[in-house]
Amino acid sequence: MSVFDDQLQKVKNVPGFIAALDQSGGSTPKALKVYGVMEDAYSNDEEMFATVHAMRTRIMTDSSFGGDRILGAILFENTLDREVMGKPTSQYLWEEKNVVPFLKVDKGLAEEANQAQMMKDIPGLDELLDKAKSKDVFGTKMRSVIKGANQDGIEMVVAQQFAVGRQILSHGLVPIIEPEIDIHAPDKAEAEAILKDQLMMQLDGLKPGQEVMLKLTLPEETNLYADCINHPRCLKVVALSGGYSRDEANRRLSENHGMIASFSRALSEGLNVNQSDEDFSTMMDASIQAIYDASIT
């Protein structure tokens, strides 16, 4: 079997969750600060990205980080272009850790309209997808944000996500479609009902053999996305932590059967640059186990 087929079988059949290690330009200083690295520790973008790569390398090379509990990891393009232990990051993950690599491909959010932020244009996407494929990347991730129960806004977000998703599918990669709903939206439950209808309509429109993944905010109505999880064109539905604490995100996730985690901040919560390797590994192991347990309900 090809690398892609092996990865597909893992994502389909093995229990676990996806680690989101894809904080990019705007969110990197925040992620580093939580890790205990202040902005005066680096003086330009190159130093900042080298510093965050060191943090991610510490996570990825830790003994607790492996394919027994972690299905996949989402990388930022800058991370894809770097190495871990002498191998390209994506190939290190798959070959050494049995963790399926994904790549964040969006270029950030456009201005808000109709209570939603669509993705900015993604110039050079075809070339980026070819590069990802050459480095044994399995799939991609791209994020939009929904701020309220606005039918037009939600329709536009989902239509754009699936249009780009079809482009990604044409390169032999599996897109993670992420129309995040802001956890602070006053009409969050109503927005989720509209979103679910739009997702089902778009899933129904995919051709046989086309499979996507969905990355969604943990819903107010338990098991709201069960129909998406069971859809033949949906490989997996993963949950973002969206600003919830790890405990709250895990609680909500454990109630939504068939959904698995794709946590970023909730995964690295409690990790610190000044921790001893032993303390770091202990914290990582506990965090991974708690998220894994919530993902297999």
C-alpha atoms as a PDB file:
ATOM      1  CA  MET A   1       0.000   0.000   0.000  1.00  0.00           C
ATOM      2  CA  SER A   2       1.046   3.610  -0.523  1.00  0.00           C
ATOM      3  CA  VAL A   3       1.879   5.958   2.360  1.00  0.00           C
ATOM      4  CA  PHE A   4      -1.452   7.716   1.753  1.00  0.00           C
ATOM      5  CA  ASP A   5      -3.384   4.421   1.955  1.00  0.00           C
ATOM      6  CA  ASP A   6      -1.612   3.475   5.189  1.00  0.00           C
ATOM      7  CA  GLN A   7      -2.420   6.892   6.633  1.00  0.00           C
ATOM      8  CA  LEU A   8      -6.041   6.648   5.487  1.00  0.00           C
ATOM      9  CA  GLN A   9      -6.483   3.301   7.219  1.00  0.00           C
ATOM     10  CA  LYS A  10      -5.031   4.758  10.413  1.00  0.00           C
ATOM     11  CA  VAL A  11      -7.354   7.784  10.388  1.00  0.00           C
ATOM     12  CA  LYS A  12     -10.371   5.602   9.605  1.00  0.00           C
ATOM     13  CA  ASN A  13      -9.807   2.761  11.997  1.00  0.00           C
ATOM     14  CA  VAL A  14      -7.501   3.653  14.902  1.00  0.00           C
ATOM     15  CA  PRO A  15      -8.813   5.429  18.027  1.00  0.00           C
ATOM     16  CA  GLY A  16      -7.103   8.673  19.006  1.00  0.00           C
ATOM     17  CA  PHE A  17      -7.120  12.408  18.396  1.00  0.00           C
ATOM     18  CA  ILE A  18      -5.386  15.065  16.296  1.00  0.00           C
ATOM     19  CA  ALA A  19      -2.834  17.423  17.822  1.00  0.00           C
ATOM     20  CA  ALA A  20      -3.069  20.953  16.410  1.00  0.00           C
ATOM     21  CA  LEU A  21       0.482  22.355  16.276  1.00  0.00           C
ATOM     22  CA  ASP A  22      -0.294  24.964  13.635  1.00  0.00           C
ATOM     23  CA  GLN A  23      -0.289  28.356  15.382  1.00  0.00           C
ATOM     24  CA  SER A  24       0.927  30.748  12.677  1.00  0.00           C
ATOM     25  CA  GLY A  25       2.166  34.338  12.426  1.00  0.00           C
ATOM     26  CA  GLY A  26      -0.433  36.186  14.475  1.00  0.00           C
ATOM     27  CA  SER A  27      -0.973  33.561  17.158  1.00  0.00           C
ATOM     28  CA  THR A  28       2.665  32.495  17.615  1.00  0.00           C
ATOM     29  CA  PRO A  29       3.657  35.174  20.199  1.00  0.00           C
ATOM     30  CA  LYS A  30       0.584  34.251  22.252  1.00  0.00           C
ATOM     31  CA  ALA A  31       1.421  30.539  22.119  1.00  0.00           C
ATOM     32  CA  LEU A  32       5.019  31.242  23.131  1.00  0.00           C
ATOM     33  CA  LYS A  33       3.933  33.488  25.999  1.00  0.00           C
ATOM     34  CA  VAL A  34       1.727  30.720  27.414  1.00  0.00           C
ATOM     35  CA  TYR A  35       4.783  28.463  27.137  1.00  0.00           C
ATOM     36  CA  GLY A  36       6.789  30.976  29.191  1.00  0.00           C
ATOM     37  CA  VAL A  37       8.753  32.638  26.354  1.00  0.00           C
ATOM     38  CA  MET A  38       8.255  36.418  26.354  1.00  0.00           C
ATOM     39  CA  GLU A  39       8.492  38.578  23.231  1.00  0.00           C
ATOM     40  CA  ASP A  40      11.879  40.013  24.283  1.00  0.00           C
ATOM     41  CA  ALA A  41      13.353  36.520  23.815  1.00  0.00           C
ATOM     42  CA  TYR A  42      13.358  36.962  20.021  1.00  0.00           C
ATOM     43  CA  SER A  43      13.933  40.011  17.849  1.00  0.00           C
ATOM     44  CA  ASN A  44      12.419  39.132  14.449  1.00  0.00           C
ATOM     45  CA  ASP A  45      10.094  36.674  12.743  1.00  0.00           C
ATOM     46  CA  GLU A  46      12.857  34.206  11.896  1.00  0.00           C
ATOM     47  CA  GLU A  47      13.924  33.987  15.552  1.00  0.00           C
ATOM     48  CA  MET A  48      10.280  33.737  16.622  1.00  0.00           C
ATOM     49  CA  PHE A  49       9.573  30.840  14.248  1.00  0.00           C
ATOM     50  CA  ALA A  50      12.801  29.094  15.285  1.00  0.00           C
ATOM     51  CA  THR A  51      11.719  29.451  18.928  1.00  0.00           C
ATOM     52  CA  VAL A  52       8.242  28.047  18.318  1.00  0.00           C
ATOM     53  CA  HIS A  53       9.747  25.213  16.259  1.00  0.00           C
ATOM     54  CA  ALA A  54      11.902  24.342  19.263  1.00  0.00           C
ATOM     55  CA  MET A  55       8.743  24.216  21.380  1.00  0.00           C
ATOM     56  CA  ARG A  56       6.969  21.987  18.852  1.00  0.00           C
ATOM     57  CA  THR A  57      10.052  19.777  18.507  1.00  0.00           C
ATOM     58  CA  ARG A  58      10.061  19.280  22.279  1.00  0.00           C
ATOM     59  CA  ILE A  59       6.404  18.222  22.075  1.00  0.00           C
ATOM     60  CA  MET A  60       6.810  15.947  19.042  1.00  0.00           C
ATOM     61  CA  THR A  61       9.963  14.205  20.301  1.00  0.00           C
ATOM     62  CA  ASP A  62       8.609  13.589  23.796  1.00  0.00           C
ATOM     63  CA  SER A  63       8.152   9.909  24.616  1.00  0.00           C
ATOM     64  CA  SER A  64       4.452  10.474  25.404  1.00  0.00           C
ATOM     65  CA  PHE A  65       3.761  11.831  21.890  1.00  0.00           C
ATOM     66  CA  GLY A  66       3.088   8.900  19.592  1.00  0.00           C
ATOM     67  CA  GLY A  67       0.690   7.116  17.318  1.00  0.00           C
ATOM     68  CA  ASP A  68      -0.723   4.935  20.067  1.00  0.00           C
ATOM     69  CA  ARG A  69      -2.973   7.812  21.207  1.00  0.00           C
ATOM     70  CA  ILE A  70      -2.410  10.547  18.594  1.00  0.00           C
ATOM     71  CA  LEU A  71      -3.831   9.951  15.111  1.00  0.00           C
ATOM     72  CA  GLY A  72      -2.442  13.042  13.445  1.00  0.00           C
ATOM     73  CA  ALA A  73      -0.817  16.434  13.869  1.00  0.00           C
ATOM     74  CA  ILE A  74      -1.583  19.681  12.032  1.00  0.00           C
ATOM     75  CA  LEU A  75       1.475  21.702  11.010  1.00  0.00           C
ATOM     76  CA  PHE A  76       2.049  25.304   9.976  1.00  0.00           C
ATOM     77  CA  GLU A  77       3.839  25.713   6.612  1.00  0.00           C
ATOM     78  CA  ASN A  78       6.939  27.108   8.338  1.00  0.00           C
ATOM     79  CA  THR A  79       7.088  23.889  10.396  1.00  0.00           C
ATOM     80  CA  LEU A  80       6.699  21.754   7.259  1.00  0.00           C
ATOM     81  CA  ASP A  81       9.819  23.458   5.849  1.00  0.00           C
ATOM     82  CA  ARG A  82      11.880  22.590   8.942  1.00  0.00           C
ATOM     83  CA  GLU A  83      13.338  19.357  10.269  1.00  0.00           C
ATOM     84  CA  VAL A  84      12.982  17.320  13.447  1.00  0.00           C
ATOM     85  CA  MET A  85      15.871  15.014  14.369  1.00  0.00           C
ATOM     86  CA  GLY A  86      17.338  15.402  10.868  1.00  0.00           C
ATOM     87  CA  LYS A  87      14.138  14.573   8.953  1.00  0.00           C
ATOM     88  CA  PRO A  88      11.512  16.843   7.361  1.00  0.00           C
ATOM     89  CA  THR A  89       8.912  17.401  10.091  1.00  0.00           C
ATOM     90  CA  SER A  90       6.044  15.655   8.286  1.00  0.00           C
ATOM     91  CA  GLN A  91       8.152  12.584   7.542  1.00  0.00           C
ATOM     92  CA  TYR A  92       9.519  12.496  11.092  1.00  0.00           C
ATOM     93  CA  LEU A  93       5.937  12.411  12.389  1.00  0.00           C
ATOM     94  CA  TRP A  94       4.863   9.559  10.128  1.00  0.00           C
ATOM     95  CA  GLU A  95       8.034   7.466   9.960  1.00  0.00           C
ATOM     96  CA  GLU A  96       9.205   7.828  13.565  1.00  0.00           C
ATOM     97  CA  LYS A  97       5.982   8.458  15.500  1.00  0.00           C
ATOM     98  CA  ASN A  98       3.275   6.865  13.316  1.00  0.00           C
ATOM     99  CA  VAL A  99       1.383  10.179  13.481  1.00  0.00           C
ATOM    100  CA  VAL A 100      -0.417  11.306  10.299  1.00  0.00           C
ATOM    101  CA  PRO A 101       0.698  14.795   9.153  1.00  0.00           C
ATOM    102  CA  PHE A 102      -1.741  17.534   8.099  1.00  0.00           C
ATOM    103  CA  LEU A 103      -0.913  21.051   6.873  1.00  0.00           C
ATOM    104  CA  LYS A 104      -2.675  24.342   7.606  1.00  0.00           C
ATOM    105  CA  VAL A 105      -3.104  26.006   4.205  1.00  0.00           C
ATOM    106  CA  ASP A 106      -5.251  29.089   4.792  1.00  0.00           C
ATOM    107  CA  LYS A 107      -3.762  32.587   4.875  1.00  0.00           C
ATOM    108  CA  GLY A 108      -5.979  33.937   7.636  1.00  0.00           C
ATOM    109  CA  LEU A 109      -9.387  35.548   7.813  1.00  0.00           C
ATOM    110  CA  ALA A 110     -11.034  38.213   5.660  1.00  0.00           C
ATOM    111  CA  GLU A 111     -12.950  41.144   7.155  1.00  0.00           C
ATOM    112  CA  GLU A 112     -16.223  40.285   8.870  1.00  0.00           C
ATOM    113  CA  ALA A 113     -19.396  40.373   6.759  1.00  0.00           C
ATOM    114  CA  ASN A 114     -22.809  38.878   7.608  1.00  0.00           C
ATOM    115  CA  GLN A 115     -21.486  37.921  11.055  1.00  0.00           C
ATOM    116  CA  ALA A 116     -18.828  35.714   9.499  1.00  0.00           C
ATOM    117  CA  GLN A 117     -15.208  35.811   8.422  1.00  0.00           C
ATOM    118  CA  MET A 118     -14.422  33.883   5.268  1.00  0.00           C
ATOM    119  CA  MET A 119     -10.889  32.878   4.362  1.00  0.00           C
ATOM    120  CA  LYS A 120      -8.601  35.275   2.565  1.00  0.00           C
ATOM    121  CA  ASP A 121      -7.565  34.197  -0.927  1.00  0.00           C
ATOM    122  CA  ILE A 122      -4.872  31.504  -0.911  1.00  0.00           C
ATOM    123  CA  PRO A 123      -2.391  32.388  -3.668  1.00  0.00           C
ATOM    124  CA  GLY A 124      -0.055  29.575  -4.694  1.00  0.00           C
ATOM    125  CA  LEU A 125      -2.296  26.902  -3.183  1.00  0.00           C
ATOM    126  CA  ASP A 126      -1.697  24.364  -5.973  1.00  0.00           C
ATOM    127  CA  GLU A 127       2.069  24.616  -5.509  1.00  0.00           C
ATOM    128  CA  LEU A 128       1.741  24.318  -1.739  1.00  0.00           C
ATOM    129  CA  LEU A 129      -0.421  21.201  -2.101  1.00  0.00           C
ATOM    130  CA  ASP A 130       2.123  19.622  -4.457  1.00  0.00           C
ATOM    131  CA  LYS A 131       4.885  20.347  -1.927  1.00  0.00           C
ATOM    132  CA  ALA A 132       2.821  18.856   0.897  1.00  0.00           C
ATOM    133  CA  LYS A 133       2.094  15.727  -1.136  1.00  0.00           C
ATOM    134  CA  SER A 134       5.812  15.285  -1.860  1.00  0.00           C
ATOM    135  CA  LYS A 135       6.494  15.308   1.892  1.00  0.00           C
ATOM    136  CA  ASP A 136       3.943  12.580   2.711  1.00  0.00           C
ATOM    137  CA  VAL A 137       1.345  14.995   4.104  1.00  0.00           C
ATOM    138  CA  PHE A 138      -2.076  13.317   4.220  1.00  0.00           C
ATOM    139  CA  GLY A 139      -4.431  16.270   4.483  1.00  0.00           C
ATOM    140  CA  THR A 140      -4.916  19.965   5.046  1.00  0.00           C
ATOM    141  CA  LYS A 141      -6.747  22.327   7.377  1.00  0.00           C
ATOM    142  CA  MET A 142      -8.328  25.721   6.732  1.00  0.00           C
ATOM    143  CA  ARG A 143     -10.315  27.903   9.113  1.00  0.00           C
ATOM    144  CA  SER A 144     -13.218  30.322   8.807  1.00  0.00           C
ATOM    145  CA  VAL A 145     -15.139  31.878  11.713  1.00  0.00           C
ATOM    146  CA  ILE A 146     -18.881  32.289  12.260  1.00  0.00           C
ATOM    147  CA  LYS A 147     -19.950  34.948  14.787  1.00  0.00           C
ATOM    148  CA  GLY A 148     -23.714  34.500  14.778  1.00  0.00           C
ATOM    149  CA  ALA A 149     -26.775  32.759  13.332  1.00  0.00           C
ATOM    150  CA  ASN A 150     -26.716  34.610  10.020  1.00  0.00           C
ATOM    151  CA  GLN A 151     -27.940  32.378   7.196  1.00  0.00           C
ATOM    152  CA  ASP A 152     -26.096  34.280   4.442  1.00  0.00           C
ATOM    153  CA  GLY A 153     -22.837  34.400   6.352  1.00  0.00           C
ATOM    154  CA  ILE A 154     -22.885  30.697   7.201  1.00  0.00           C
ATOM    155  CA  GLU A 155     -23.826  29.706   3.637  1.00  0.00           C
ATOM    156  CA  MET A 156     -20.929  31.766   2.243  1.00  0.00           C
ATOM    157  CA  VAL A 157     -18.411  30.288   4.688  1.00  0.00           C
ATOM    158  CA  VAL A 158     -19.418  26.685   4.013  1.00  0.00           C
ATOM    159  CA  ALA A 159     -19.604  27.155   0.226  1.00  0.00           C
ATOM    160  CA  GLN A 160     -16.092  28.649   0.178  1.00  0.00           C
ATOM    161  CA  GLN A 161     -14.714  25.891   2.398  1.00  0.00           C
ATOM    162  CA  PHE A 162     -16.065  23.136   0.162  1.00  0.00           C
ATOM    163  CA  ALA A 163     -14.973  24.893  -3.048  1.00  0.00           C
ATOM    164  CA  VAL A 164     -11.391  25.014  -1.782  1.00  0.00           C
ATOM    165  CA  GLY A 165     -11.863  21.505  -0.382  1.00  0.00           C
ATOM    166  CA  ARG A 166     -12.553  20.186  -3.887  1.00  0.00           C
ATOM    167  CA  GLN A 167      -9.328  21.816  -5.109  1.00  0.00           C
ATOM    168  CA  ILE A 168      -7.449  20.062  -2.294  1.00  0.00           C
ATOM    169  CA  LEU A 169      -9.102  16.716  -3.091  1.00  0.00           C
ATOM    170  CA  SER A 170      -7.927  17.052  -6.696  1.00  0.00           C
ATOM    171  CA  HIS A 171      -4.325  16.931  -5.423  1.00  0.00           C
ATOM    172  CA  GLY A 172      -4.913  13.651  -3.599  1.00  0.00           C
ATOM    173  CA  LEU A 173      -5.103  15.210  -0.129  1.00  0.00           C
ATOM    174  CA  VAL A 174      -7.939  15.114   2.414  1.00  0.00           C
ATOM    175  CA  PRO A 175      -9.171  18.567   3.509  1.00  0.00           C
ATOM    176  CA  ILE A 176     -10.172  19.333   7.084  1.00  0.00           C
ATOM    177  CA  ILE A 177     -12.974  21.857   6.628  1.00  0.00           C
ATOM    178  CA  GLU A 178     -13.133  24.166   9.664  1.00  0.00           C
ATOM    179  CA  PRO A 179     -16.069  26.599   9.912  1.00  0.00           C
ATOM    180  CA  GLU A 180     -15.499  27.519  13.565  1.00  0.00           C
ATOM    181  CA  ILE A 181     -18.414  29.002  15.509  1.00  0.00           C
ATOM    182  CA  ASP A 182     -17.266  31.531  18.097  1.00  0.00           C
ATOM    183  CA  ILE A 183     -18.015  30.067  21.536  1.00  0.00           C
ATOM    184  CA  HIS A 184     -19.135  33.553  22.658  1.00  0.00           C
ATOM    185  CA  ALA A 185     -21.792  33.914  19.941  1.00  0.00           C
ATOM    186  CA  PRO A 186     -25.035  34.837  21.763  1.00  0.00           C
ATOM    187  CA  ASP A 187     -27.069  32.619  19.418  1.00  0.00           C
ATOM    188  CA  LYS A 188     -24.500  29.816  19.182  1.00  0.00           C
ATOM    189  CA  ALA A 189     -27.064  26.980  19.188  1.00  0.00           C
ATOM    190  CA  GLU A 190     -29.052  28.598  16.355  1.00  0.00           C
ATOM    191  CA  ALA A 191     -25.859  29.131  14.333  1.00  0.00           C
ATOM    192  CA  GLU A 192     -24.953  25.480  14.826  1.00  0.00           C
ATOM    193  CA  ALA A 193     -28.322  24.299  13.510  1.00  0.00           C
ATOM    194  CA  ILE A 194     -27.867  26.376  10.339  1.00  0.00           C
ATOM    195  CA  LEU A 195     -24.276  25.166   9.981  1.00  0.00           C
ATOM    196  CA  LYS A 196     -25.261  21.529  10.270  1.00  0.00           C
ATOM    197  CA  ASP A 197     -27.829  21.886   7.469  1.00  0.00           C
ATOM    198  CA  GLN A 198     -25.252  23.546   5.204  1.00  0.00           C
ATOM    199  CA  LEU A 199     -22.632  20.907   5.962  1.00  0.00           C
ATOM    200  CA  MET A 200     -25.045  18.067   5.160  1.00  0.00           C
ATOM    201  CA  MET A 201     -26.033  19.726   1.880  1.00  0.00           C
ATOM    202  CA  GLN A 202     -22.384  20.096   0.838  1.00  0.00           C
ATOM    203  CA  LEU A 203     -21.483  16.559   1.931  1.00  0.00           C
ATOM    204  CA  ASP A 204     -24.385  15.261  -0.159  1.00  0.00           C
ATOM    205  CA  GLY A 205     -22.894  17.105  -3.139  1.00  0.00           C
ATOM    206  CA  LEU A 206     -19.533  15.338  -3.012  1.00  0.00           C
ATOM    207  CA  LYS A 207     -18.836  12.585  -5.532  1.00  0.00           C
ATOM    208  CA  PRO A 208     -18.283   8.931  -4.604  1.00  0.00           C
ATOM    209  CA  GLY A 209     -14.706   8.493  -3.448  1.00  0.00           C
ATOM    210  CA  GLN A 210     -14.389  12.078  -2.245  1.00  0.00           C
ATOM    211  CA  GLU A 211     -13.974  12.197   1.526  1.00  0.00           C
ATOM    212  CA  VAL A 212     -13.448  15.233   3.742  1.00  0.00           C
ATOM    213  CA  MET A 213     -13.015  15.822   7.444  1.00  0.00           C
ATOM    214  CA  LEU A 214     -14.849  18.455   9.468  1.00  0.00           C
ATOM    215  CA  LYS A 215     -13.399  20.464  12.361  1.00  0.00           C
ATOM    216  CA  LEU A 216     -16.211  21.986  14.403  1.00  0.00           C
ATOM    217  CA  THR A 217     -16.823  23.883  17.619  1.00  0.00           C
ATOM    218  CA  LEU A 218     -18.189  21.664  20.386  1.00  0.00           C
ATOM    219  CA  PRO A 219     -21.973  22.121  20.065  1.00  0.00           C
ATOM    220  CA  GLU A 220     -24.594  23.234  22.589  1.00  0.00           C
ATOM    221  CA  GLU A 221     -26.850  20.335  21.604  1.00  0.00           C
ATOM    222  CA  THR A 222     -25.141  17.043  22.416  1.00  0.00           C
ATOM    223  CA  ASN A 223     -24.540  14.834  19.350  1.00  0.00           C
ATOM    224  CA  LEU A 224     -25.828  17.550  17.004  1.00  0.00           C
ATOM    225  CA  TYR A 225     -23.324  16.456  14.354  1.00  0.00           C
ATOM    226  CA  ALA A 226     -24.110  12.720  14.487  1.00  0.00           C
ATOM    227  CA  ASP A 227     -25.501  12.841  10.924  1.00  0.00           C
ATOM    228  CA  CYS A 228     -22.237  14.372   9.696  1.00  0.00           C
ATOM    229  CA  ILE A 229     -20.189  11.737  11.553  1.00  0.00           C
ATOM    230  CA  ASN A 230     -22.226   8.984   9.873  1.00  0.00           C
ATOM    231  CA  HIS A 231     -22.177  10.536   6.380  1.00  0.00           C
ATOM    232  CA  PRO A 232     -20.384   8.334   3.806  1.00  0.00           C
ATOM    233  CA  ARG A 233     -18.407  11.332   2.468  1.00  0.00           C
ATOM    234  CA  CYS A 234     -17.181  12.360   5.941  1.00  0.00           C
ATOM    235  CA  LEU A 235     -14.022  10.613   7.087  1.00  0.00           C
ATOM    236  CA  LYS A 236     -13.983  12.116  10.605  1.00  0.00           C
ATOM    237  CA  VAL A 237     -15.496  14.954  12.625  1.00  0.00           C
ATOM    238  CA  VAL A 238     -12.959  16.554  14.924  1.00  0.00           C
ATOM    239  CA  ALA A 239     -13.559  19.179  17.592  1.00  0.00           C
ATOM    240  CA  LEU A 240     -11.675  22.394  18.242  1.00  0.00           C
ATOM    241  CA  SER A 241     -11.312  23.587  21.824  1.00  0.00           C
ATOM    242  CA  GLY A 242     -12.193  27.134  20.759  1.00  0.00           C
ATOM    243  CA  GLY A 243     -11.166  28.860  23.991  1.00  0.00           C
ATOM    244  CA  TYR A 244     -12.707  26.374  26.399  1.00  0.00           C
ATOM    245  CA  SER A 245     -10.356  25.145  29.115  1.00  0.00           C
ATOM    246  CA  ARG A 246      -9.022  21.636  28.614  1.00  0.00           C
ATOM    247  CA  ASP A 247     -11.322  20.259  31.305  1.00  0.00           C
ATOM    248  CA  GLU A 248     -14.411  21.922  29.813  1.00  0.00           C
ATOM    249  CA  ALA A 249     -13.434  20.938  26.252  1.00  0.00           C
ATOM    250  CA  ASN A 250     -12.868  17.336  27.338  1.00  0.00           C
ATOM    251  CA  ARG A 251     -16.189  17.267  29.207  1.00  0.00           C
ATOM    252  CA  ARG A 252     -18.112  18.506  26.174  1.00  0.00           C
ATOM    253  CA  LEU A 253     -16.201  16.221  23.827  1.00  0.00           C
ATOM    254  CA  SER A 254     -16.863  13.114  25.910  1.00  0.00           C
ATOM    255  CA  GLU A 255     -20.612  13.756  25.573  1.00  0.00           C
ATOM    256  CA  ASN A 256     -20.473  13.951  21.754  1.00  0.00           C
ATOM    257  CA  HIS A 257     -20.051  10.361  20.629  1.00  0.00           C
ATOM    258  CA  GLY A 258     -17.882   9.780  17.579  1.00  0.00           C
ATOM    259  CA  MET A 259     -16.293  13.247  17.668  1.00  0.00           C
ATOM    260  CA  ILE A 260     -12.564  13.332  18.396  1.00  0.00           C
ATOM    261  CA  ALA A 261     -10.349  16.169  19.589  1.00  0.00           C
ATOM    262  CA  SER A 262      -8.202  18.430  17.474  1.00  0.00           C
ATOM    263  CA  PHE A 263      -6.983  20.650  20.270  1.00  0.00           C
ATOM    264  CA  SER A 264      -4.234  23.261  20.159  1.00  0.00           C
ATOM    265  CA  ARG A 265      -4.177  25.438  23.269  1.00  0.00           C
ATOM    266  CA  ALA A 266      -5.917  22.752  25.338  1.00  0.00           C
ATOM    267  CA  LEU A 267      -3.163  20.282  24.379  1.00  0.00           C
ATOM    268  CA  SER A 268      -0.267  22.518  25.423  1.00  0.00           C
ATOM    269  CA  GLU A 269      -1.990  23.907  28.539  1.00  0.00           C
ATOM    270  CA  GLY A 270       0.413  23.637  31.499  1.00  0.00           C
ATOM    271  CA  LEU A 271       3.596  23.142  29.451  1.00  0.00           C
ATOM    272  CA  ASN A 272       6.461  25.554  30.204  1.00  0.00           C
ATOM    273  CA  VAL A 273       9.879  26.172  28.714  1.00  0.00           C
ATOM    274  CA  ASN A 274      11.440  26.066  32.184  1.00  0.00           C
ATOM    275  CA  GLN A 275      10.068  22.648  33.135  1.00  0.00           C
ATOM    276  CA  SER A 276      12.521  19.797  33.540  1.00  0.00           C
ATOM    277  CA  ASP A 277      12.232  17.134  30.857  1.00  0.00           C
ATOM    278  CA  GLU A 278      10.656  14.836  33.427  1.00  0.00           C
ATOM    279  CA  ASP A 279       8.021  17.373  34.505  1.00  0.00           C
ATOM    280  CA  PHE A 280       7.330  18.320  30.877  1.00  0.00           C
ATOM    281  CA  SER A 281       6.843  14.686  29.896  1.00  0.00           C
ATOM    282  CA  THR A 282       4.600  13.981  32.893  1.00  0.00           C
ATOM    283  CA  MET A 283       2.384  16.954  32.027  1.00  0.00           C
ATOM    284  CA  MET A 284       2.291  15.972  28.337  1.00  0.00           C
ATOM    285  CA  ASP A 285       1.364  12.384  29.148  1.00  0.00           C
ATOM    286  CA  ALA A 286      -1.504  13.428  31.445  1.00  0.00           C
ATOM    287  CA  SER A 287      -2.797  15.938  28.890  1.00  0.00           C
ATOM    288  CA  ILE A 288      -2.652  13.444  26.023  1.00  0.00           C
ATOM    289  CA  GLN A 289      -4.356  10.739  28.080  1.00  0.00           C
ATOM    290  CA  ALA A 290      -7.214  13.035  29.160  1.00  0.00           C
ATOM    291  CA  ILE A 291      -7.840  14.200  25.578  1.00  0.00           C
ATOM    292  CA  TYR A 292      -7.564  10.625  24.271  1.00  0.00           C
ATOM    293  CA  ASP A 293     -10.077   9.379  26.852  1.00  0.00           C
ATOM    294  CA  ALA A 294     -12.565  12.109  25.866  1.00  0.00           C
ATOM    295  CA  SER A 295     -12.045  11.271  22.167  1.00  0.00           C
ATOM    296  CA  ILE A 296     -12.911   7.579  22.377  1.00  0.00           C
ATOM    297  CA  THR A 297     -16.390   7.914  23.926  1.00  0.00           C
END
